[in-house]
């Protein structure tokens, strides 16, 4: 038995704001995708349909739908990703590269580019 479709009940302001973000955001592609997820959900497109249309996993689509459901427009902003913490070795190598002291690294990097 198929699941009940998620209903977000977008206000006219939210629809206009999502459309504005999609049209005006050139730098933040993730934010645009998040807005598209919400608009497609509001149109009644299934989770799998949205994932296929946007080239994302169902998990990603569902995550952003749930975030919007609880936090609305403010929840769509992309938060800074945590990632791996920098360590002392990375900082030292970065300083050497920027200072031009580690020419072998720079030369090997240049030879790798097409």
PDB file of N, CA and C in Angstrom:
ATOM      1  N   UNK A   1       0.845  -1.177   0.000  1.00  0.00           N
ATOM      2  CA  UNK A   1       0.000   0.000   0.000  1.00  0.00           C
ATOM      3  C   UNK A   1       0.892   1.243   0.000  1.00  0.00           C
ATOM      4  N   UNK A   2       0.685   2.165  -0.945  1.00  0.00           N
ATOM      5  CA  UNK A   2       1.544   3.351  -1.010  1.00  0.00           C
ATOM      6  C   UNK A   2       1.343   4.267   0.194  1.00  0.00           C
ATOM      7  N   UNK A   3       2.424   4.952   0.523  1.00  0.00           N
ATOM      8  CA  UNK A   3       2.369   5.899   1.641  1.00  0.00           C
ATOM      9  C   UNK A   3       1.584   7.140   1.258  1.00  0.00           C
ATOM     10  N   UNK A   4       1.094   7.810   2.275  1.00  0.00           N
ATOM     11  CA  UNK A   4       0.394   9.069   2.079  1.00  0.00           C
ATOM     12  C   UNK A   4       1.424  10.139   1.706  1.00  0.00           C
ATOM     13  N   UNK A   5       1.112  10.942   0.718  1.00  0.00           N
ATOM     14  CA  UNK A   5       2.043  11.991   0.282  1.00  0.00           C
ATOM     15  C   UNK A   5       2.152  13.090   1.325  1.00  0.00           C
ATOM     16  N   UNK A   6       3.354  13.624   1.442  1.00  0.00           N
ATOM     17  CA  UNK A   6       3.606  14.700   2.395  1.00  0.00           C
ATOM     18  C   UNK A   6       2.939  15.983   1.906  1.00  0.00           C
ATOM     19  N   UNK A   7       2.192  16.615   2.764  1.00  0.00           N
ATOM     20  CA  UNK A   7       1.531  17.876   2.436  1.00  0.00           C
ATOM     21  C   UNK A   7       2.218  18.998   3.213  1.00  0.00           C
ATOM     22  N   UNK A   8       2.769  19.967   2.489  1.00  0.00           N
ATOM     23  CA  UNK A   8       3.477  21.070   3.137  1.00  0.00           C
ATOM     24  C   UNK A   8       2.608  22.317   3.292  1.00  0.00           C
ATOM     25  N   UNK A   9       1.530  22.407   2.530  1.00  0.00           N
ATOM     26  CA  UNK A   9       0.616  23.555   2.600  1.00  0.00           C
ATOM     27  C   UNK A   9       1.365  24.889   2.528  1.00  0.00           C
ATOM     28  N   UNK A  10       2.044  25.106   1.405  1.00  0.00           N
ATOM     29  CA  UNK A  10       2.805  26.340   1.221  1.00  0.00           C
ATOM     30  C   UNK A  10       1.882  27.543   1.113  1.00  0.00           C
ATOM     31  N   UNK A  11       2.277  28.616   1.764  1.00  0.00           N
ATOM     32  CA  UNK A  11       1.549  29.879   1.614  1.00  0.00           C
ATOM     33  C   UNK A  11       1.982  30.524   0.301  1.00  0.00           C
ATOM     34  N   UNK A  12       1.224  31.505  -0.161  1.00  0.00           N
ATOM     35  CA  UNK A  12       1.596  32.193  -1.403  1.00  0.00           C
ATOM     36  C   UNK A  12       2.933  32.908  -1.234  1.00  0.00           C
ATOM     37  N   UNK A  13       3.196  33.436  -0.037  1.00  0.00           N
ATOM     38  CA  UNK A  13       4.482  34.088   0.223  1.00  0.00           C
ATOM     39  C   UNK A  13       5.625  33.076   0.095  1.00  0.00           C
ATOM     40  N   UNK A  14       5.453  31.885   0.677  1.00  0.00           N
ATOM     41  CA  UNK A  14       6.510  30.868   0.614  1.00  0.00           C
ATOM     42  C   UNK A  14       6.763  30.437  -0.827  1.00  0.00           C
ATOM     43  N   UNK A  15       5.705  30.265  -1.604  1.00  0.00           N
ATOM     44  CA  UNK A  15       5.875  29.888  -3.012  1.00  0.00           C
ATOM     45  C   UNK A  15       6.653  30.959  -3.772  1.00  0.00           C
ATOM     46  N   UNK A  16       6.288  32.220  -3.553  1.00  0.00           N
ATOM     47  CA  UNK A  16       6.980  33.320  -4.231  1.00  0.00           C
ATOM     48  C   UNK A  16       8.442  33.394  -3.802  1.00  0.00           C
ATOM     49  N   UNK A  17       8.691  33.209  -2.528  1.00  0.00           N
ATOM     50  CA  UNK A  17      10.058  33.280  -2.009  1.00  0.00           C
ATOM     51  C   UNK A  17      10.910  32.135  -2.554  1.00  0.00           C
ATOM     52  N   UNK A  18      10.362  30.936  -2.604  1.00  0.00           N
ATOM     53  CA  UNK A  18      11.090  29.792  -3.161  1.00  0.00           C
ATOM     54  C   UNK A  18      11.396  30.022  -4.642  1.00  0.00           C
ATOM     55  N   UNK A  19      10.426  30.520  -5.385  1.00  0.00           N
ATOM     56  CA  UNK A  19      10.636  30.809  -6.808  1.00  0.00           C
ATOM     57  C   UNK A  19      11.688  31.898  -6.984  1.00  0.00           C
ATOM     58  N   UNK A  20      11.662  32.916  -6.140  1.00  0.00           N
ATOM     59  CA  UNK A  20      12.648  34.002  -6.214  1.00  0.00           C
ATOM     60  C   UNK A  20      14.053  33.471  -5.970  1.00  0.00           C
ATOM     61  N   UNK A  21      14.198  32.615  -4.967  1.00  0.00           N
ATOM     62  CA  UNK A  21      15.512  32.047  -4.651  1.00  0.00           C
ATOM     63  C   UNK A  21      16.030  31.237  -5.832  1.00  0.00           C
ATOM     64  N   UNK A  22      15.164  30.444  -6.440  1.00  0.00           N
ATOM     65  CA  UNK A  22      15.577  29.619  -7.581  1.00  0.00           C
ATOM     66  C   UNK A  22      16.042  30.495  -8.739  1.00  0.00           C
ATOM     67  N   UNK A  23      15.327  31.579  -9.010  1.00  0.00           N
ATOM     68  CA  UNK A  23      15.673  32.447 -10.139  1.00  0.00           C
ATOM     69  C   UNK A  23      16.894  33.317  -9.876  1.00  0.00           C
ATOM     70  N   UNK A  24      17.106  33.732  -8.632  1.00  0.00           N
ATOM     71  CA  UNK A  24      18.163  34.696  -8.342  1.00  0.00           C
ATOM     72  C   UNK A  24      19.436  34.089  -7.779  1.00  0.00           C
ATOM     73  N   UNK A  25      19.388  32.888  -7.264  1.00  0.00           N
ATOM     74  CA  UNK A  25      20.584  32.298  -6.654  1.00  0.00           C
ATOM     75  C   UNK A  25      21.455  31.675  -7.727  1.00  0.00           C
ATOM     76  N   UNK A  26      22.605  32.265  -7.914  1.00  0.00           N
ATOM     77  CA  UNK A  26      23.553  31.719  -8.883  1.00  0.00           C
ATOM     78  C   UNK A  26      24.726  31.048  -8.189  1.00  0.00           C
ATOM     79  N   UNK A  27      25.002  31.450  -6.972  1.00  0.00           N
ATOM     80  CA  UNK A  27      26.163  30.930  -6.271  1.00  0.00           C
ATOM     81  C   UNK A  27      25.857  29.697  -5.436  1.00  0.00           C
ATOM     82  N   UNK A  28      24.671  29.619  -4.897  1.00  0.00           N
ATOM     83  CA  UNK A  28      24.358  28.562  -3.947  1.00  0.00           C
ATOM     84  C   UNK A  28      23.433  27.524  -4.582  1.00  0.00           C
ATOM     85  N   UNK A  29      24.025  26.568  -5.285  1.00  0.00           N
ATOM     86  CA  UNK A  29      23.238  25.572  -5.995  1.00  0.00           C
ATOM     87  C   UNK A  29      22.499  24.634  -5.053  1.00  0.00           C
ATOM     88  N   UNK A  30      23.071  24.374  -3.894  1.00  0.00           N
ATOM     89  CA  UNK A  30      22.381  23.495  -2.941  1.00  0.00           C
ATOM     90  C   UNK A  30      21.093  24.138  -2.450  1.00  0.00           C
ATOM     91  N   UNK A  31      21.134  25.425  -2.198  1.00  0.00           N
ATOM     92  CA  UNK A  31      19.929  26.133  -1.755  1.00  0.00           C
ATOM     93  C   UNK A  31      18.848  26.062  -2.834  1.00  0.00           C
ATOM     94  N   UNK A  32      19.249  26.209  -4.097  1.00  0.00           N
ATOM     95  CA  UNK A  32      18.306  26.114  -5.211  1.00  0.00           C
ATOM     96  C   UNK A  32      17.677  24.727  -5.245  1.00  0.00           C
ATOM     97  N   UNK A  33      18.493  23.690  -5.061  1.00  0.00           N
ATOM     98  CA  UNK A  33      17.958  22.329  -5.056  1.00  0.00           C
ATOM     99  C   UNK A  33      16.984  22.123  -3.907  1.00  0.00           C
ATOM    100  N   UNK A  34      17.288  22.677  -2.759  1.00  0.00           N
ATOM    101  CA  UNK A  34      16.390  22.541  -1.612  1.00  0.00           C
ATOM    102  C   UNK A  34      15.040  23.184  -1.924  1.00  0.00           C
ATOM    103  N   UNK A  35      15.073  24.345  -2.555  1.00  0.00           N
ATOM    104  CA  UNK A  35      13.830  25.034  -2.915  1.00  0.00           C
ATOM    105  C   UNK A  35      13.035  24.227  -3.944  1.00  0.00           C
ATOM    106  N   UNK A  36      13.731  23.640  -4.903  1.00  0.00           N
ATOM    107  CA  UNK A  36      13.055  22.819  -5.911  1.00  0.00           C
ATOM    108  C   UNK A  36      12.393  21.609  -5.265  1.00  0.00           C
ATOM    109  N   UNK A  37      13.059  21.007  -4.294  1.00  0.00           N
ATOM    110  CA  UNK A  37      12.479  19.866  -3.581  1.00  0.00           C
ATOM    111  C   UNK A  37      11.138  20.262  -2.971  1.00  0.00           C
ATOM    112  N   UNK A  38      11.106  21.413  -2.335  1.00  0.00           N
ATOM    113  CA  UNK A  38       9.892  21.858  -1.651  1.00  0.00           C
ATOM    114  C   UNK A  38       8.783  22.167  -2.657  1.00  0.00           C
ATOM    115  N   UNK A  39       9.113  22.854  -3.736  1.00  0.00           N
ATOM    116  CA  UNK A  39       8.090  23.183  -4.731  1.00  0.00           C
ATOM    117  C   UNK A  39       7.540  21.930  -5.412  1.00  0.00           C
ATOM    118  N   UNK A  40       8.403  20.973  -5.715  1.00  0.00           N
ATOM    119  CA  UNK A  40       7.942  19.730  -6.332  1.00  0.00           C
ATOM    120  C   UNK A  40       7.086  18.917  -5.367  1.00  0.00           C
ATOM    121  N   UNK A  41       7.442  18.950  -4.090  1.00  0.00           N
ATOM    122  CA  UNK A  41       6.631  18.268  -3.080  1.00  0.00           C
ATOM    123  C   UNK A  41       5.246  18.892  -3.021  1.00  0.00           C
ATOM    124  N   UNK A  42       5.194  20.212  -3.078  1.00  0.00           N
ATOM    125  CA  UNK A  42       3.915  20.913  -3.022  1.00  0.00           C
ATOM    126  C   UNK A  42       3.046  20.604  -4.242  1.00  0.00           C
ATOM    127  N   UNK A  43       3.688  20.300  -5.374  1.00  0.00           N
ATOM    128  CA  UNK A  43       2.948  19.931  -6.583  1.00  0.00           C
ATOM    129  C   UNK A  43       2.411  18.507  -6.509  1.00  0.00           C
ATOM    130  N   UNK A  44       2.808  17.762  -5.482  1.00  0.00           N
ATOM    131  CA  UNK A  44       2.302  16.405  -5.310  1.00  0.00           C
ATOM    132  C   UNK A  44       3.165  15.331  -5.938  1.00  0.00           C
ATOM    133  N   UNK A  45       4.368  15.676  -6.350  1.00  0.00           N
ATOM    134  CA  UNK A  45       5.267  14.688  -6.944  1.00  0.00           C
ATOM    135  C   UNK A  45       5.821  13.804  -5.833  1.00  0.00           C
ATOM    136  N   UNK A  46       5.944  12.521  -6.129  1.00  0.00           N
ATOM    137  CA  UNK A  46       6.381  11.552  -5.120  1.00  0.00           C
ATOM    138  C   UNK A  46       7.847  11.746  -4.754  1.00  0.00           C
ATOM    139  N   UNK A  47       8.217  11.164  -3.644  1.00  0.00           N
ATOM    140  CA  UNK A  47       9.600  11.213  -3.168  1.00  0.00           C
ATOM    141  C   UNK A  47      10.550  10.669  -4.231  1.00  0.00           C
ATOM    142  N   UNK A  48      10.227   9.504  -4.792  1.00  0.00           N
ATOM    143  CA  UNK A  48      11.068   8.895  -5.825  1.00  0.00           C
ATOM    144  C   UNK A  48      11.096   9.763  -7.080  1.00  0.00           C
ATOM    145  N   UNK A  49       9.970  10.353  -7.434  1.00  0.00           N
ATOM    146  CA  UNK A  49       9.905  11.217  -8.612  1.00  0.00           C
ATOM    147  C   UNK A  49      10.798  12.437  -8.476  1.00  0.00           C
ATOM    148  N   UNK A  50      10.793  13.040  -7.297  1.00  0.00           N
ATOM    149  CA  UNK A  50      11.651  14.208  -7.046  1.00  0.00           C
ATOM    150  C   UNK A  50      13.116  13.798  -7.087  1.00  0.00           C
ATOM    151  N   UNK A  51      13.433  12.675  -6.451  1.00  0.00           N
ATOM    152  CA  UNK A  51      14.820  12.193  -6.430  1.00  0.00           C
ATOM    153  C   UNK A  51      15.317  11.936  -7.848  1.00  0.00           C
ATOM    154  N   UNK A  52      14.493  11.302  -8.674  1.00  0.00           N
ATOM    155  CA  UNK A  52      14.880  11.025 -10.061  1.00  0.00           C
ATOM    156  C   UNK A  52      15.035  12.314 -10.866  1.00  0.00           C
ATOM    157  N   UNK A  53      14.105  13.226 -10.697  1.00  0.00           N
ATOM    158  CA  UNK A  53      14.121  14.473 -11.465  1.00  0.00           C
ATOM    159  C   UNK A  53      15.329  15.342 -11.127  1.00  0.00           C
ATOM    160  N   UNK A  54      15.726  15.372  -9.850  1.00  0.00           N
ATOM    161  CA  UNK A  54      16.829  16.238  -9.429  1.00  0.00           C
ATOM    162  C   UNK A  54      18.166  15.502  -9.331  1.00  0.00           C
ATOM    163  N   UNK A  55      18.157  14.194  -9.547  1.00  0.00           N
ATOM    164  CA  UNK A  55      19.398  13.423  -9.488  1.00  0.00           C
ATOM    165  C   UNK A  55      19.956  13.304  -8.086  1.00  0.00           C
ATOM    166  N   UNK A  56      19.077  13.112  -7.122  1.00  0.00           N
ATOM    167  CA  UNK A  56      19.473  12.997  -5.712  1.00  0.00           C
ATOM    168  C   UNK A  56      18.974  11.669  -5.164  1.00  0.00           C
ATOM    169  N   UNK A  57      19.445  11.356  -3.979  1.00  0.00           N
ATOM    170  CA  UNK A  57      18.932  10.162  -3.308  1.00  0.00           C
ATOM    171  C   UNK A  57      17.599  10.489  -2.640  1.00  0.00           C
ATOM    172  N   UNK A  58      16.802   9.454  -2.418  1.00  0.00           N
ATOM    173  CA  UNK A  58      15.528   9.650  -1.717  1.00  0.00           C
ATOM    174  C   UNK A  58      15.772  10.147  -0.300  1.00  0.00           C
ATOM    175  N   UNK A  59      16.864   9.706   0.301  1.00  0.00           N
ATOM    176  CA  UNK A  59      17.190  10.130   1.665  1.00  0.00           C
ATOM    177  C   UNK A  59      17.417  11.635   1.720  1.00  0.00           C
ATOM    178  N   UNK A  60      18.165  12.166   0.763  1.00  0.00           N
ATOM    179  CA  UNK A  60      18.432  13.604   0.724  1.00  0.00           C
ATOM    180  C   UNK A  60      17.140  14.389   0.528  1.00  0.00           C
ATOM    181  N   UNK A  61      16.326  13.946  -0.413  1.00  0.00           N
ATOM    182  CA  UNK A  61      15.058  14.629  -0.673  1.00  0.00           C
ATOM    183  C   UNK A  61      14.193  14.609   0.580  1.00  0.00           C
ATOM    184  N   UNK A  62      14.078  13.450   1.212  1.00  0.00           N
ATOM    185  CA  UNK A  62      13.234  13.340   2.399  1.00  0.00           C
ATOM    186  C   UNK A  62      13.769  14.188   3.547  1.00  0.00           C
ATOM    187  N   UNK A  63      15.085  14.239   3.698  1.00  0.00           N
ATOM    188  CA  UNK A  63      15.686  15.050   4.761  1.00  0.00           C
ATOM    189  C   UNK A  63      15.269  16.509   4.619  1.00  0.00           C
ATOM    190  N   UNK A  64      15.385  17.058   3.408  1.00  0.00           N
ATOM    191  CA  UNK A  64      15.061  18.470   3.213  1.00  0.00           C
ATOM    192  C   UNK A  64      13.566  18.730   3.293  1.00  0.00           C
ATOM    193  N   UNK A  65      12.755  17.758   2.925  1.00  0.00           N
ATOM    194  CA  UNK A  65      11.309  17.920   3.096  1.00  0.00           C
ATOM    195  C   UNK A  65      10.957  17.993   4.578  1.00  0.00           C
ATOM    196  N   UNK A  66      11.580  17.138   5.371  1.00  0.00           N
ATOM    197  CA  UNK A  66      11.297  17.130   6.808  1.00  0.00           C
ATOM    198  C   UNK A  66      11.816  18.403   7.486  1.00  0.00           C
ATOM    199  N   UNK A  67      12.990  18.864   7.057  1.00  0.00           N
ATOM    200  CA  UNK A  67      13.530  20.113   7.611  1.00  0.00           C
ATOM    201  C   UNK A  67      12.570  21.260   7.315  1.00  0.00           C
ATOM    202  N   UNK A  68      12.088  21.331   6.070  1.00  0.00           N
ATOM    203  CA  UNK A  68      11.160  22.407   5.718  1.00  0.00           C
ATOM    204  C   UNK A  68       9.861  22.287   6.505  1.00  0.00           C
ATOM    205  N   UNK A  69       9.408  21.079   6.696  1.00  0.00           N
ATOM    206  CA  UNK A  69       8.148  20.870   7.420  1.00  0.00           C
ATOM    207  C   UNK A  69       8.223  21.443   8.834  1.00  0.00           C
ATOM    208  N   UNK A  70       9.388  21.323   9.471  1.00  0.00           N
ATOM    209  CA  UNK A  70       9.518  21.803  10.850  1.00  0.00           C
ATOM    210  C   UNK A  70      10.001  23.250  10.948  1.00  0.00           C
ATOM    211  N   UNK A  71      10.913  23.668  10.063  1.00  0.00           N
ATOM    212  CA  UNK A  71      11.523  24.999  10.190  1.00  0.00           C
ATOM    213  C   UNK A  71      11.106  25.993   9.112  1.00  0.00           C
ATOM    214  N   UNK A  72      10.365  25.533   8.125  1.00  0.00           N
ATOM    215  CA  UNK A  72       9.901  26.344   7.002  1.00  0.00           C
ATOM    216  C   UNK A  72      11.075  26.984   6.251  1.00  0.00           C
ATOM    217  N   UNK A  73      10.967  28.210   5.784  1.00  0.00           N
ATOM    218  CA  UNK A  73      11.996  28.824   4.933  1.00  0.00           C
ATOM    219  C   UNK A  73      13.349  28.953   5.620  1.00  0.00           C
ATOM    220  N   UNK A  74      13.348  29.239   6.906  1.00  0.00           N
ATOM    221  CA  UNK A  74      14.627  29.418   7.605  1.00  0.00           C
ATOM    222  C   UNK A  74      15.433  28.124   7.667  1.00  0.00           C
ATOM    223  N   UNK A  75      14.786  26.984   7.548  1.00  0.00           N
ATOM    224  CA  UNK A  75      15.484  25.705   7.603  1.00  0.00           C
ATOM    225  C   UNK A  75      16.203  25.341   6.324  1.00  0.00           C
ATOM    226  N   UNK A  76      15.915  26.030   5.228  1.00  0.00           N
ATOM    227  CA  UNK A  76      16.517  25.686   3.940  1.00  0.00           C
ATOM    228  C   UNK A  76      17.919  26.239   3.753  1.00  0.00           C
ATOM    229  N   UNK A  77      18.318  27.170   4.583  1.00  0.00           N
ATOM    230  CA  UNK A  77      19.655  27.739   4.447  1.00  0.00           C
ATOM    231  C   UNK A  77      20.697  26.656   4.686  1.00  0.00           C
ATOM    232  N   UNK A  78      21.734  26.683   3.866  1.00  0.00           N
ATOM    233  CA  UNK A  78      22.787  25.676   3.958  1.00  0.00           C
ATOM    234  C   UNK A  78      23.688  26.001   5.132  1.00  0.00           C
ATOM    235  N   UNK A  79      23.796  25.052   6.023  1.00  0.00           N
ATOM    236  CA  UNK A  79      24.680  25.238   7.172  1.00  0.00           C
ATOM    237  C   UNK A  79      26.098  24.833   6.783  1.00  0.00           C
ATOM    238  N   UNK A  80      27.059  25.405   7.476  1.00  0.00           N
ATOM    239  CA  UNK A  80      28.451  25.066   7.230  1.00  0.00           C
ATOM    240  C   UNK A  80      28.658  23.596   7.555  1.00  0.00           C
ATOM    241  N   UNK A  81      29.325  22.906   6.667  1.00  0.00           N
ATOM    242  CA  UNK A  81      29.592  21.488   6.882  1.00  0.00           C
ATOM    243  C   UNK A  81      30.785  21.322   7.807  1.00  0.00           C
ATOM    244  N   UNK A  82      30.707  20.291   8.623  1.00  0.00           N
ATOM    245  CA  UNK A  82      31.770  20.080   9.595  1.00  0.00           C
ATOM    246  C   UNK A  82      33.024  19.524   8.941  1.00  0.00           C
ATOM    247  N   UNK A  83      32.947  18.389   8.319  1.00  0.00           N
ATOM    248  CA  UNK A  83      34.104  17.806   7.662  1.00  0.00           C
ATOM    249  C   UNK A  83      35.224  17.456   8.624  1.00  0.00           C
ATOM    250  N   UNK A  84      36.360  17.137   8.066  1.00  0.00           N
ATOM    251  CA  UNK A  84      37.515  16.766   8.863  1.00  0.00           C
ATOM    252  C   UNK A  84      38.168  18.013   9.424  1.00  0.00           C
ATOM    253  N   UNK A  85      38.572  17.928  10.668  1.00  0.00           N
ATOM    254  CA  UNK A  85      39.242  19.067  11.296  1.00  0.00           C
ATOM    255  C   UNK A  85      40.668  19.192  10.772  1.00  0.00           C
ATOM    256  N   UNK A  86      41.124  20.414  10.573  1.00  0.00           N
ATOM    257  CA  UNK A  86      42.503  20.593  10.110  1.00  0.00           C
ATOM    258  C   UNK A  86      43.488  20.189  11.201  1.00  0.00           C
ATOM    259  N   UNK A  87      44.610  19.627  10.768  1.00  0.00           N
ATOM    260  CA  UNK A  87      45.633  19.288  11.753  1.00  0.00           C
ATOM    261  C   UNK A  87      46.894  20.112  11.487  1.00  0.00           C
ATOM    262  N   UNK A  88      47.844  20.012  12.377  1.00  0.00           N
ATOM    263  CA  UNK A  88      49.054  20.839  12.303  1.00  0.00           C
ATOM    264  C   UNK A  88      49.841  20.570  11.026  1.00  0.00           C
ATOM    265  N   UNK A  89      49.904  19.317  10.582  1.00  0.00           N
ATOM    266  CA  UNK A  89      50.666  18.985   9.385  1.00  0.00           C
ATOM    267  C   UNK A  89      50.073  19.691   8.160  1.00  0.00           C
ATOM    268  N   UNK A  90      48.764  19.671   8.035  1.00  0.00           N
ATOM    269  CA  UNK A  90      48.124  20.343   6.906  1.00  0.00           C
ATOM    270  C   UNK A  90      48.409  21.839   6.916  1.00  0.00           C
ATOM    271  N   UNK A  91      48.380  22.450   8.084  1.00  0.00           N
ATOM    272  CA  UNK A  91      48.666  23.881   8.191  1.00  0.00           C
ATOM    273  C   UNK A  91      50.104  24.175   7.784  1.00  0.00           C
ATOM    274  N   UNK A  92      51.038  23.319   8.215  1.00  0.00           N
ATOM    275  CA  UNK A  92      52.450  23.523   7.899  1.00  0.00           C
ATOM    276  C   UNK A  92      52.680  23.398   6.393  1.00  0.00           C
ATOM    277  N   UNK A  93      52.102  22.382   5.763  1.00  0.00           N
ATOM    278  CA  UNK A  93      52.261  22.187   4.325  1.00  0.00           C
ATOM    279  C   UNK A  93      51.642  23.358   3.565  1.00  0.00           C
ATOM    280  N   UNK A  94      50.491  23.813   4.012  1.00  0.00           N
ATOM    281  CA  UNK A  94      49.842  24.949   3.361  1.00  0.00           C
ATOM    282  C   UNK A  94      50.725  26.190   3.432  1.00  0.00           C
ATOM    283  N   UNK A  95      51.325  26.432   4.589  1.00  0.00           N
ATOM    284  CA  UNK A  95      52.220  27.584   4.730  1.00  0.00           C
ATOM    285  C   UNK A  95      53.421  27.456   3.805  1.00  0.00           C
ATOM    286  N   UNK A  96      53.975  26.235   3.703  1.00  0.00           N
ATOM    287  CA  UNK A  96      55.126  26.024   2.832  1.00  0.00           C
ATOM    288  C   UNK A  96      54.757  26.281   1.372  1.00  0.00           C
ATOM    289  N   UNK A  97      53.614  25.797   0.974  1.00  0.00           N
ATOM    290  CA  UNK A  97      53.188  25.995  -0.414  1.00  0.00           C
ATOM    291  C   UNK A  97      52.970  27.473  -0.694  1.00  0.00           C
ATOM    292  N   UNK A  98      52.285  28.147   0.222  1.00  0.00           N
ATOM    293  CA  UNK A  98      52.025  29.568   0.020  1.00  0.00           C
ATOM    294  C   UNK A  98      53.305  30.388   0.026  1.00  0.00           C
ATOM    295  N   UNK A  99      54.280  29.957   0.794  1.00  0.00           N
ATOM    296  CA  UNK A  99      55.546  30.677   0.865  1.00  0.00           C
ATOM    297  C   UNK A  99      56.477  30.299  -0.282  1.00  0.00           C
ATOM    298  N   UNK A 100      56.111  29.285  -1.052  1.00  0.00           N
ATOM    299  CA  UNK A 100      56.947  28.857  -2.165  1.00  0.00           C
ATOM    300  C   UNK A 100      58.151  28.049  -1.737  1.00  0.00           C
ATOM    301  N   UNK A 101      58.165  27.553  -0.494  1.00  0.00           N
ATOM    302  CA  UNK A 101      59.305  26.803   0.011  1.00  0.00           C
ATOM    303  C   UNK A 101      59.276  25.351  -0.440  1.00  0.00           C
ATOM    304  N   UNK A 102      58.138  24.836  -0.771  1.00  0.00           N
ATOM    305  CA  UNK A 102      58.029  23.436  -1.138  1.00  0.00           C
ATOM    306  C   UNK A 102      57.779  23.335  -2.641  1.00  0.00           C
ATOM    307  N   UNK A 103      58.811  23.589  -3.427  1.00  0.00           N
ATOM    308  CA  UNK A 103      58.681  23.640  -4.880  1.00  0.00           C
ATOM    309  C   UNK A 103      58.349  22.281  -5.485  1.00  0.00           C
ATOM    310  N   UNK A 104      58.765  21.185  -4.852  1.00  0.00           N
ATOM    311  CA  UNK A 104      58.456  19.858  -5.386  1.00  0.00           C
ATOM    312  C   UNK A 104      56.948  19.630  -5.437  1.00  0.00           C
ATOM    313  N   UNK A 105      56.259  20.068  -4.410  1.00  0.00           N
ATOM    314  CA  UNK A 105      54.806  19.906  -4.377  1.00  0.00           C
ATOM    315  C   UNK A 105      54.171  20.730  -5.483  1.00  0.00           C
ATOM    316  N   UNK A 106      54.637  21.948  -5.654  1.00  0.00           N
ATOM    317  CA  UNK A 106      54.085  22.814  -6.688  1.00  0.00           C
ATOM    318  C   UNK A 106      54.364  22.262  -8.082  1.00  0.00           C
ATOM    319  N   UNK A 107      55.583  21.773  -8.308  1.00  0.00           N
ATOM    320  CA  UNK A 107      55.935  21.239  -9.616  1.00  0.00           C
ATOM    321  C   UNK A 107      55.152  19.976  -9.928  1.00  0.00           C
ATOM    322  N   UNK A 108      54.999  19.096  -8.944  1.00  0.00           N
ATOM    323  CA  UNK A 108      54.247  17.867  -9.196  1.00  0.00           C
ATOM    324  C   UNK A 108      52.774  18.177  -9.431  1.00  0.00           C
ATOM    325  N   UNK A 109      52.253  19.190  -8.781  1.00  0.00           N
ATOM    326  CA  UNK A 109      50.857  19.578  -8.998  1.00  0.00           C
ATOM    327  C   UNK A 109      50.677  20.135 -10.405  1.00  0.00           C
ATOM    328  N   UNK A 110      51.650  20.899 -10.890  1.00  0.00           N
ATOM    329  CA  UNK A 110      51.570  21.456 -12.240  1.00  0.00           C
ATOM    330  C   UNK A 110      51.634  20.369 -13.297  1.00  0.00           C
ATOM    331  N   UNK A 111      52.415  19.321 -13.053  1.00  0.00           N
ATOM    332  CA  UNK A 111      52.549  18.265 -14.050  1.00  0.00           C
ATOM    333  C   UNK A 111      51.309  17.388 -14.125  1.00  0.00           C
ATOM    334  N   UNK A 112      50.443  17.439 -13.109  1.00  0.00           N
ATOM    335  CA  UNK A 112      49.226  16.621 -13.098  1.00  0.00           C
ATOM    336  C   UNK A 112      48.091  17.265 -13.871  1.00  0.00           C
ATOM    337  N   UNK A 113      48.137  18.567 -14.059  1.00  0.00           N
ATOM    338  CA  UNK A 113      47.035  19.237 -14.744  1.00  0.00           C
ATOM    339  C   UNK A 113      47.148  19.028 -16.241  1.00  0.00           C
ATOM    340  N   UNK A 114      46.003  18.880 -16.907  1.00  0.00           N
ATOM    341  CA  UNK A 114      46.040  18.636 -18.366  1.00  0.00           C
ATOM    342  C   UNK A 114      46.418  19.864 -19.156  1.00  0.00           C
TER     343      UNK A 114
END
